[in-house]
Amino acid sequence: VAALRWSGGTTYYADSVKGRFTIF
């Protein structure tokens, strides 16, 4: 679904949720 690098905060999203979901 989504992922986040703890150091730096780089995020990754599946295409199916991009624009609707936010990981933070």
mmCIF file of all heavy atoms, coordinates in Angstrom:
data_MODEL
# 
_entry.id   MODEL 
# 
loop_
_atom_site.group_PDB 
_atom_site.id 
_atom_site.type_symbol 
_atom_site.label_atom_id 
_atom_site.label_alt_id 
_atom_site.label_comp_id 
_atom_site.label_asym_id 
_atom_site.label_entity_id 
_atom_site.label_seq_id 
_atom_site.pdbx_PDB_ins_code 
_atom_site.Cartn_x 
_atom_site.Cartn_y 
_atom_site.Cartn_z 
_atom_site.occupancy 
_atom_site.B_iso_or_equiv 
_atom_site.pdbx_formal_charge 
_atom_site.auth_seq_id 
_atom_site.auth_comp_id 
_atom_site.auth_asym_id 
_atom_site.auth_atom_id 
_atom_site.pdbx_PDB_model_num 
ATOM 1   N N   . VAL A 1 1  ? 0.829  -1.199 0.000   1.00 0.00 ? 1  VAL A N   1 
ATOM 2   C CA  . VAL A 1 1  ? 0.000  0.000  0.000   1.00 0.00 ? 1  VAL A CA  1 
ATOM 3   C C   . VAL A 1 1  ? 0.872  1.262  0.000   1.00 0.00 ? 1  VAL A C   1 
ATOM 4   O O   . VAL A 1 1  ? 0.771  2.099  -0.892  1.00 0.00 ? 1  VAL A O   1 
ATOM 5   C CB  . VAL A 1 1  ? -0.963 0.031  1.200   1.00 0.00 ? 1  VAL A CB  1 
ATOM 6   C CG1 . VAL A 1 1  ? -1.761 1.333  1.214   1.00 0.00 ? 1  VAL A CG1 1 
ATOM 7   C CG2 . VAL A 1 1  ? -1.899 -1.176 1.160   1.00 0.00 ? 1  VAL A CG2 1 
ATOM 8   N N   . ALA A 1 2  ? 1.718  1.393  1.015   1.00 0.00 ? 2  ALA A N   1 
ATOM 9   C CA  . ALA A 1 2  ? 2.561  2.581  1.147   1.00 0.00 ? 2  ALA A CA  1 
ATOM 10  C C   . ALA A 1 2  ? 3.720  2.273  2.076   1.00 0.00 ? 2  ALA A C   1 
ATOM 11  O O   . ALA A 1 2  ? 3.636  1.381  2.914   1.00 0.00 ? 2  ALA A O   1 
ATOM 12  C CB  . ALA A 1 2  ? 1.755  3.771  1.680   1.00 0.00 ? 2  ALA A CB  1 
ATOM 13  N N   . ALA A 1 3  ? 4.808  3.036  1.945   1.00 0.00 ? 3  ALA A N   1 
ATOM 14  C CA  . ALA A 1 3  ? 5.967  2.855  2.808   1.00 0.00 ? 3  ALA A CA  1 
ATOM 15  C C   . ALA A 1 3  ? 6.669  4.183  3.019   1.00 0.00 ? 3  ALA A C   1 
ATOM 16  O O   . ALA A 1 3  ? 6.508  5.129  2.235   1.00 0.00 ? 3  ALA A O   1 
ATOM 17  C CB  . ALA A 1 3  ? 6.940  1.833  2.220   1.00 0.00 ? 3  ALA A CB  1 
ATOM 18  N N   . LEU A 1 4  ? 7.463  4.241  4.078   1.00 0.00 ? 4  LEU A N   1 
ATOM 19  C CA  . LEU A 1 4  ? 8.175  5.454  4.448   1.00 0.00 ? 4  LEU A CA  1 
ATOM 20  C C   . LEU A 1 4  ? 9.540  5.110  5.009   1.00 0.00 ? 4  LEU A C   1 
ATOM 21  O O   . LEU A 1 4  ? 9.661  4.250  5.883   1.00 0.00 ? 4  LEU A O   1 
ATOM 22  C CB  . LEU A 1 4  ? 7.348  6.253  5.476   1.00 0.00 ? 4  LEU A CB  1 
ATOM 23  C CG  . LEU A 1 4  ? 7.916  7.569  6.003   1.00 0.00 ? 4  LEU A CG  1 
ATOM 24  C CD1 . LEU A 1 4  ? 6.787  8.542  6.297   1.00 0.00 ? 4  LEU A CD1 1 
ATOM 25  C CD2 . LEU A 1 4  ? 8.740  7.340  7.265   1.00 0.00 ? 4  LEU A CD2 1 
ATOM 26  N N   . ARG A 1 5  ? 10.572 5.773  4.502   1.00 0.00 ? 5  ARG A N   1 
ATOM 27  C CA  . ARG A 1 5  ? 11.907 5.685  5.072   1.00 0.00 ? 5  ARG A CA  1 
ATOM 28  C C   . ARG A 1 5  ? 11.965 6.583  6.289   1.00 0.00 ? 5  ARG A C   1 
ATOM 29  O O   . ARG A 1 5  ? 11.716 7.790  6.183   1.00 0.00 ? 5  ARG A O   1 
ATOM 30  C CB  . ARG A 1 5  ? 12.962 6.119  4.057   1.00 0.00 ? 5  ARG A CB  1 
ATOM 31  C CG  . ARG A 1 5  ? 13.031 5.289  2.785   1.00 0.00 ? 5  ARG A CG  1 
ATOM 32  C CD  . ARG A 1 5  ? 13.657 3.941  3.036   1.00 0.00 ? 5  ARG A CD  1 
ATOM 33  N NE  . ARG A 1 5  ? 14.013 3.282  1.787   1.00 0.00 ? 5  ARG A NE  1 
ATOM 34  C CZ  . ARG A 1 5  ? 14.411 2.029  1.675   1.00 0.00 ? 5  ARG A CZ  1 
ATOM 35  N NH1 . ARG A 1 5  ? 14.516 1.268  2.764   1.00 0.00 ? 5  ARG A NH1 1 
ATOM 36  N NH2 . ARG A 1 5  ? 14.709 1.519  0.495   1.00 0.00 ? 5  ARG A NH2 1 
ATOM 37  N N   . TRP A 1 6  ? 12.279 6.000  7.458   1.00 0.00 ? 6  TRP A N   1 
ATOM 38  C CA  . TRP A 1 6  ? 12.217 6.761  8.696   1.00 0.00 ? 6  TRP A CA  1 
ATOM 39  C C   . TRP A 1 6  ? 13.169 7.944  8.704   1.00 0.00 ? 6  TRP A C   1 
ATOM 40  O O   . TRP A 1 6  ? 12.815 9.033  9.150   1.00 0.00 ? 6  TRP A O   1 
ATOM 41  C CB  . TRP A 1 6  ? 12.488 5.851  9.890   1.00 0.00 ? 6  TRP A CB  1 
ATOM 42  C CG  . TRP A 1 6  ? 11.865 6.351  11.145  1.00 0.00 ? 6  TRP A CG  1 
ATOM 43  C CD1 . TRP A 1 6  ? 12.499 6.905  12.213  1.00 0.00 ? 6  TRP A CD1 1 
ATOM 44  C CD2 . TRP A 1 6  ? 10.473 6.331  11.464  1.00 0.00 ? 6  TRP A CD2 1 
ATOM 45  N NE1 . TRP A 1 6  ? 11.589 7.243  13.180  1.00 0.00 ? 6  TRP A NE1 1 
ATOM 46  C CE2 . TRP A 1 6  ? 10.331 6.896  12.749  1.00 0.00 ? 6  TRP A CE2 1 
ATOM 47  C CE3 . TRP A 1 6  ? 9.327  5.887  10.789  1.00 0.00 ? 6  TRP A CE3 1 
ATOM 48  C CZ2 . TRP A 1 6  ? 9.088  7.033  13.361  1.00 0.00 ? 6  TRP A CZ2 1 
ATOM 49  C CZ3 . TRP A 1 6  ? 8.094  6.028  11.401  1.00 0.00 ? 6  TRP A CZ3 1 
ATOM 50  C CH2 . TRP A 1 6  ? 7.990  6.592  12.670  1.00 0.00 ? 6  TRP A CH2 1 
ATOM 51  N N   . SER A 1 7  ? 14.364 7.727  8.211   1.00 0.00 ? 7  SER A N   1 
ATOM 52  C CA  . SER A 1 7  ? 15.338 8.803  8.103   1.00 0.00 ? 7  SER A CA  1 
ATOM 53  C C   . SER A 1 7  ? 15.201 9.462  6.736   1.00 0.00 ? 7  SER A C   1 
ATOM 54  O O   . SER A 1 7  ? 15.457 8.847  5.710   1.00 0.00 ? 7  SER A O   1 
ATOM 55  C CB  . SER A 1 7  ? 16.751 8.259  8.293   1.00 0.00 ? 7  SER A CB  1 
ATOM 56  O OG  . SER A 1 7  ? 17.709 9.296  8.182   1.00 0.00 ? 7  SER A OG  1 
ATOM 57  N N   . GLY A 1 8  ? 14.761 10.712 6.720   1.00 0.00 ? 8  GLY A N   1 
ATOM 58  C CA  . GLY A 1 8  ? 14.589 11.442 5.478   1.00 0.00 ? 8  GLY A CA  1 
ATOM 59  C C   . GLY A 1 8  ? 13.152 11.556 5.017   1.00 0.00 ? 8  GLY A C   1 
ATOM 60  O O   . GLY A 1 8  ? 12.795 12.524 4.329   1.00 0.00 ? 8  GLY A O   1 
ATOM 61  N N   . GLY A 1 9  ? 12.314 10.578 5.360   1.00 0.00 ? 9  GLY A N   1 
ATOM 62  C CA  . GLY A 1 9  ? 10.894 10.665 5.078   1.00 0.00 ? 9  GLY A CA  1 
ATOM 63  C C   . GLY A 1 9  ? 10.482 10.355 3.652   1.00 0.00 ? 9  GLY A C   1 
ATOM 64  O O   . GLY A 1 9  ? 9.365  10.706 3.251   1.00 0.00 ? 9  GLY A O   1 
ATOM 65  N N   . THR A 1 10 ? 11.328 9.696  2.865   1.00 0.00 ? 10 THR A N   1 
ATOM 66  C CA  . THR A 1 10 ? 10.953 9.307  1.509   1.00 0.00 ? 10 THR A CA  1 
ATOM 67  C C   . THR A 1 10 ? 9.749  8.372  1.544   1.00 0.00 ? 10 THR A C   1 
ATOM 68  O O   . THR A 1 10 ? 9.709  7.436  2.340   1.00 0.00 ? 10 THR A O   1 
ATOM 69  C CB  . THR A 1 10 ? 12.118 8.610  0.805   1.00 0.00 ? 10 THR A CB  1 
ATOM 70  O OG1 . THR A 1 10 ? 13.257 9.474  0.806   1.00 0.00 ? 10 THR A OG1 1 
ATOM 71  C CG2 . THR A 1 10 ? 11.754 8.276  -0.636  1.00 0.00 ? 10 THR A CG2 1 
ATOM 72  N N   . THR A 1 11 ? 8.768  8.630  0.680   1.00 0.00 ? 11 THR A N   1 
ATOM 73  C CA  . THR A 1 11 ? 7.538  7.844  0.665   1.00 0.00 ? 11 THR A CA  1 
ATOM 74  C C   . THR A 1 11 ? 7.360  7.105  -0.644  1.00 0.00 ? 11 THR A C   1 
ATOM 75  O O   . THR A 1 11 ? 7.871  7.514  -1.692  1.00 0.00 ? 11 THR A O   1 
ATOM 76  C CB  . THR A 1 11 ? 6.310  8.728  0.919   1.00 0.00 ? 11 THR A CB  1 
ATOM 77  O OG1 . THR A 1 11 ? 6.257  9.763  -0.069  1.00 0.00 ? 11 THR A OG1 1 
ATOM 78  C CG2 . THR A 1 11 ? 6.373  9.358  2.305   1.00 0.00 ? 11 THR A CG2 1 
ATOM 79  N N   . TYR A 1 12 ? 6.590  6.010  -0.579  1.00 0.00 ? 12 TYR A N   1 
ATOM 80  C CA  . TYR A 1 12 ? 6.287  5.165  -1.722  1.00 0.00 ? 12 TYR A CA  1 
ATOM 81  C C   . TYR A 1 12 ? 4.814  4.794  -1.648  1.00 0.00 ? 12 TYR A C   1 
ATOM 82  O O   . TYR A 1 12 ? 4.293  4.532  -0.567  1.00 0.00 ? 12 TYR A O   1 
ATOM 83  C CB  . TYR A 1 12 ? 7.136  3.886  -1.703  1.00 0.00 ? 12 TYR A CB  1 
ATOM 84  C CG  . TYR A 1 12 ? 8.616  4.117  -1.536  1.00 0.00 ? 12 TYR A CG  1 
ATOM 85  C CD1 . TYR A 1 12 ? 9.162  4.373  -0.287  1.00 0.00 ? 12 TYR A CD1 1 
ATOM 86  C CD2 . TYR A 1 12 ? 9.473  4.075  -2.630  1.00 0.00 ? 12 TYR A CD2 1 
ATOM 87  C CE1 . TYR A 1 12 ? 10.524 4.587  -0.128  1.00 0.00 ? 12 TYR A CE1 1 
ATOM 88  C CE2 . TYR A 1 12 ? 10.834 4.283  -2.483  1.00 0.00 ? 12 TYR A CE2 1 
ATOM 89  C CZ  . TYR A 1 12 ? 11.353 4.538  -1.231  1.00 0.00 ? 12 TYR A CZ  1 
ATOM 90  O OH  . TYR A 1 12 ? 12.703 4.744  -1.089  1.00 0.00 ? 12 TYR A OH  1 
ATOM 91  N N   . TYR A 1 13 ? 4.137  4.758  -2.807  1.00 0.00 ? 13 TYR A N   1 
ATOM 92  C CA  . TYR A 1 13 ? 2.714  4.443  -2.844  1.00 0.00 ? 13 TYR A CA  1 
ATOM 93  C C   . TYR A 1 13 ? 2.396  3.481  -3.976  1.00 0.00 ? 13 TYR A C   1 
ATOM 94  O O   . TYR A 1 13 ? 2.970  3.569  -5.061  1.00 0.00 ? 13 TYR A O   1 
ATOM 95  C CB  . TYR A 1 13 ? 1.871  5.700  -3.043  1.00 0.00 ? 13 TYR A CB  1 
ATOM 96  C CG  . TYR A 1 13 ? 1.911  6.667  -1.898  1.00 0.00 ? 13 TYR A CG  1 
ATOM 97  C CD1 . TYR A 1 13 ? 2.782  7.747  -1.908  1.00 0.00 ? 13 TYR A CD1 1 
ATOM 98  C CD2 . TYR A 1 13 ? 1.074  6.511  -0.803  1.00 0.00 ? 13 TYR A CD2 1 
ATOM 99  C CE1 . TYR A 1 13 ? 2.820  8.641  -0.852  1.00 0.00 ? 13 TYR A CE1 1 
ATOM 100 C CE2 . TYR A 1 13 ? 1.100  7.397  0.256   1.00 0.00 ? 13 TYR A CE2 1 
ATOM 101 C CZ  . TYR A 1 13 ? 1.977  8.461  0.228   1.00 0.00 ? 13 TYR A CZ  1 
ATOM 102 O OH  . TYR A 1 13 ? 2.005  9.349  1.280   1.00 0.00 ? 13 TYR A OH  1 
ATOM 103 N N   . ALA A 1 14 ? 1.463  2.584  -3.708  1.00 0.00 ? 14 ALA A N   1 
ATOM 104 C CA  . ALA A 1 14 ? 0.894  1.782  -4.779  1.00 0.00 ? 14 ALA A CA  1 
ATOM 105 C C   . ALA A 1 14 ? 0.050  2.669  -5.681  1.00 0.00 ? 14 ALA A C   1 
ATOM 106 O O   . ALA A 1 14 ? -0.582 3.625  -5.215  1.00 0.00 ? 14 ALA A O   1 
ATOM 107 C CB  . ALA A 1 14 ? 0.036  0.655  -4.199  1.00 0.00 ? 14 ALA A CB  1 
ATOM 108 N N   . ASP A 1 15 ? 0.019  2.360  -6.969  1.00 0.00 ? 15 ASP A N   1 
ATOM 109 C CA  . ASP A 1 15 ? -0.761 3.162  -7.908  1.00 0.00 ? 15 ASP A CA  1 
ATOM 110 C C   . ASP A 1 15 ? -2.246 3.214  -7.530  1.00 0.00 ? 15 ASP A C   1 
ATOM 111 O O   . ASP A 1 15 ? -2.913 4.222  -7.759  1.00 0.00 ? 15 ASP A O   1 
ATOM 112 C CB  . ASP A 1 15 ? -0.616 2.610  -9.324  1.00 0.00 ? 15 ASP A CB  1 
ATOM 113 C CG  . ASP A 1 15 ? 0.756  2.862  -9.912  1.00 0.00 ? 15 ASP A CG  1 
ATOM 114 O OD1 . ASP A 1 15 ? 1.480  3.743  -9.411  1.00 0.00 ? 15 ASP A OD1 1 
ATOM 115 O OD2 . ASP A 1 15 ? 1.109  2.174  -10.890 1.00 0.00 ? 15 ASP A OD2 1 
ATOM 116 N N   . SER A 1 16 ? -2.749 2.158  -6.935  1.00 0.00 ? 16 SER A N   1 
ATOM 117 C CA  . SER A 1 16 ? -4.159 2.071  -6.611  1.00 0.00 ? 16 SER A CA  1 
ATOM 118 C C   . SER A 1 16 ? -4.593 3.037  -5.512  1.00 0.00 ? 16 SER A C   1 
ATOM 119 O O   . SER A 1 16 ? -5.788 3.324  -5.379  1.00 0.00 ? 16 SER A O   1 
ATOM 120 C CB  . SER A 1 16 ? -4.519 0.638  -6.201  1.00 0.00 ? 16 SER A CB  1 
ATOM 121 O OG  . SER A 1 16 ? -3.773 0.229  -5.072  1.00 0.00 ? 16 SER A OG  1 
ATOM 122 N N   . VAL A 1 17 ? -3.647 3.545  -4.720  1.00 0.00 ? 17 VAL A N   1 
ATOM 123 C CA  . VAL A 1 17 ? -3.990 4.436  -3.614  1.00 0.00 ? 17 VAL A CA  1 
ATOM 124 C C   . VAL A 1 17 ? -3.382 5.821  -3.762  1.00 0.00 ? 17 VAL A C   1 
ATOM 125 O O   . VAL A 1 17 ? -3.706 6.723  -2.970  1.00 0.00 ? 17 VAL A O   1 
ATOM 126 C CB  . VAL A 1 17 ? -3.585 3.844  -2.255  1.00 0.00 ? 17 VAL A CB  1 
ATOM 127 C CG1 . VAL A 1 17 ? -4.171 2.447  -2.088  1.00 0.00 ? 17 VAL A CG1 1 
ATOM 128 C CG2 . VAL A 1 17 ? -2.071 3.821  -2.097  1.00 0.00 ? 17 VAL A CG2 1 
ATOM 129 N N   . LYS A 1 18 ? -2.536 6.017  -4.736  1.00 0.00 ? 18 LYS A N   1 
ATOM 130 C CA  . LYS A 1 18 ? -1.867 7.304  -4.926  1.00 0.00 ? 18 LYS A CA  1 
ATOM 131 C C   . LYS A 1 18 ? -2.898 8.413  -5.135  1.00 0.00 ? 18 LYS A C   1 
ATOM 132 O O   . LYS A 1 18 ? -3.816 8.286  -5.938  1.00 0.00 ? 18 LYS A O   1 
ATOM 133 C CB  . LYS A 1 18 ? -0.914 7.219  -6.115  1.00 0.00 ? 18 LYS A CB  1 
ATOM 134 C CG  . LYS A 1 18 ? 0.046  8.387  -6.236  1.00 0.00 ? 18 LYS A CG  1 
ATOM 135 C CD  . LYS A 1 18 ? 1.070  8.143  -7.356  1.00 0.00 ? 18 LYS A CD  1 
ATOM 136 C CE  . LYS A 1 18 ? 1.908  6.903  -7.095  1.00 0.00 ? 18 LYS A CE  1 
ATOM 137 N NZ  . LYS A 1 18 ? 2.917  6.673  -8.168  1.00 0.00 ? 18 LYS A NZ  1 
ATOM 138 N N   . GLY A 1 19 ? -2.734 9.496  -4.386  1.00 0.00 ? 19 GLY A N   1 
ATOM 139 C CA  . GLY A 1 19 ? -3.668 10.607 -4.453  1.00 0.00 ? 19 GLY A CA  1 
ATOM 140 C C   . GLY A 1 19 ? -4.812 10.510 -3.469  1.00 0.00 ? 19 GLY A C   1 
ATOM 141 O O   . GLY A 1 19 ? -5.516 11.505 -3.250  1.00 0.00 ? 19 GLY A O   1 
ATOM 142 N N   . ARG A 1 20 ? -5.013 9.334  -2.875  1.00 0.00 ? 20 ARG A N   1 
ATOM 143 C CA  . ARG A 1 20 ? -6.080 9.148  -1.898  1.00 0.00 ? 20 ARG A CA  1 
ATOM 144 C C   . ARG A 1 20 ? -5.544 8.875  -0.493  1.00 0.00 ? 20 ARG A C   1 
ATOM 145 O O   . ARG A 1 20 ? -6.126 9.318  0.492   1.00 0.00 ? 20 ARG A O   1 
ATOM 146 C CB  . ARG A 1 20 ? -6.997 7.995  -2.310  1.00 0.00 ? 20 ARG A CB  1 
ATOM 147 C CG  . ARG A 1 20 ? -7.704 8.224  -3.638  1.00 0.00 ? 20 ARG A CG  1 
ATOM 148 C CD  . ARG A 1 20 ? -8.745 7.139  -3.896  1.00 0.00 ? 20 ARG A CD  1 
ATOM 149 N NE  . ARG A 1 20 ? -8.141 5.806  -3.976  1.00 0.00 ? 20 ARG A NE  1 
ATOM 150 C CZ  . ARG A 1 20 ? -8.422 4.799  -3.154  1.00 0.00 ? 20 ARG A CZ  1 
ATOM 151 N NH1 . ARG A 1 20 ? -9.314 4.955  -2.181  1.00 0.00 ? 20 ARG A NH1 1 
ATOM 152 N NH2 . ARG A 1 20 ? -7.835 3.620  -3.321  1.00 0.00 ? 20 ARG A NH2 1 
ATOM 153 N N   . PHE A 1 21 ? -4.447 8.124  -0.412  1.00 0.00 ? 21 PHE A N   1 
ATOM 154 C CA  . PHE A 1 21 ? -3.852 7.760  0.873   1.00 0.00 ? 21 PHE A CA  1 
ATOM 155 C C   . PHE A 1 21 ? -2.576 8.553  1.093   1.00 0.00 ? 21 PHE A C   1 
ATOM 156 O O   . PHE A 1 21 ? -1.848 8.866  0.141   1.00 0.00 ? 21 PHE A O   1 
ATOM 157 C CB  . PHE A 1 21 ? -3.509 6.273  0.921   1.00 0.00 ? 21 PHE A CB  1 
ATOM 158 C CG  . PHE A 1 21 ? -4.681 5.334  0.925   1.00 0.00 ? 21 PHE A CG  1 
ATOM 159 C CD1 . PHE A 1 21 ? -5.980 5.786  0.741   1.00 0.00 ? 21 PHE A CD1 1 
ATOM 160 C CD2 . PHE A 1 21 ? -4.475 3.974  1.113   1.00 0.00 ? 21 PHE A CD2 1 
ATOM 161 C CE1 . PHE A 1 21 ? -7.054 4.921  0.739   1.00 0.00 ? 21 PHE A CE1 1 
ATOM 162 C CE2 . PHE A 1 21 ? -5.539 3.094  1.114   1.00 0.00 ? 21 PHE A CE2 1 
ATOM 163 C CZ  . PHE A 1 21 ? -6.830 3.563  0.930   1.00 0.00 ? 21 PHE A CZ  1 
ATOM 164 N N   . THR A 1 22 ? -2.273 8.848  2.352   1.00 0.00 ? 22 THR A N   1 
ATOM 165 C CA  . THR A 1 22 ? -1.044 9.522  2.723   1.00 0.00 ? 22 THR A CA  1 
ATOM 166 C C   . THR A 1 22 ? -0.401 8.811  3.903   1.00 0.00 ? 22 THR A C   1 
ATOM 167 O O   . THR A 1 22 ? -1.055 8.572  4.912   1.00 0.00 ? 22 THR A O   1 
ATOM 168 C CB  . THR A 1 22 ? -1.296 10.993 3.101   1.00 0.00 ? 22 THR A CB  1 
ATOM 169 O OG1 . THR A 1 22 ? -1.949 11.665 2.020   1.00 0.00 ? 22 THR A OG1 1 
ATOM 170 C CG2 . THR A 1 22 ? 0.023  11.697 3.404   1.00 0.00 ? 22 THR A CG2 1 
ATOM 171 N N   . ILE A 1 23 ? 0.870  8.467  3.764   1.00 0.00 ? 23 ILE A N   1 
ATOM 172 C CA  . ILE A 1 23 ? 1.620  7.877  4.860   1.00 0.00 ? 23 ILE A CA  1 
ATOM 173 C C   . ILE A 1 23 ? 2.485  8.964  5.493   1.00 0.00 ? 23 ILE A C   1 
ATOM 174 O O   . ILE A 1 23 ? 3.111  9.752  4.790   1.00 0.00 ? 23 ILE A O   1 
ATOM 175 C CB  . ILE A 1 23 ? 2.472  6.679  4.377   1.00 0.00 ? 23 ILE A CB  1 
ATOM 176 C CG1 . ILE A 1 23 ? 3.137  5.970  5.561   1.00 0.00 ? 23 ILE A CG1 1 
ATOM 177 C CG2 . ILE A 1 23 ? 3.503  7.107  3.346   1.00 0.00 ? 23 ILE A CG2 1 
ATOM 178 C CD1 . ILE A 1 23 ? 3.798  4.645  5.174   1.00 0.00 ? 23 ILE A CD1 1 
ATOM 179 N N   . PHE A 1 24 ? 2.489  9.027  6.807   1.00 0.00 ? 24 PHE A N   1 
ATOM 180 C CA  . PHE A 1 24 ? 3.314  10.007 7.492   1.00 0.00 ? 24 PHE A CA  1 
ATOM 181 C C   . PHE A 1 24 ? 3.680  9.494  8.872   1.00 0.00 ? 24 PHE A C   1 
ATOM 182 O O   . PHE A 1 24 ? 3.130  8.496  9.338   1.00 0.00 ? 24 PHE A O   1 
ATOM 183 C CB  . PHE A 1 24 ? 2.638  11.383 7.562   1.00 0.00 ? 24 PHE A CB  1 
ATOM 184 C CG  . PHE A 1 24 ? 1.339  11.415 8.316   1.00 0.00 ? 24 PHE A CG  1 
ATOM 185 C CD1 . PHE A 1 24 ? 1.289  11.877 9.621   1.00 0.00 ? 24 PHE A CD1 1 
ATOM 186 C CD2 . PHE A 1 24 ? 0.158  11.015 7.712   1.00 0.00 ? 24 PHE A CD2 1 
ATOM 187 C CE1 . PHE A 1 24 ? 0.085  11.937 10.314  1.00 0.00 ? 24 PHE A CE1 1 
ATOM 188 C CE2 . PHE A 1 24 ? -1.052 11.063 8.396   1.00 0.00 ? 24 PHE A CE2 1 
ATOM 189 C CZ  . PHE A 1 24 ? -1.089 11.522 9.689   1.00 0.00 ? 24 PHE A CZ  1 
# 
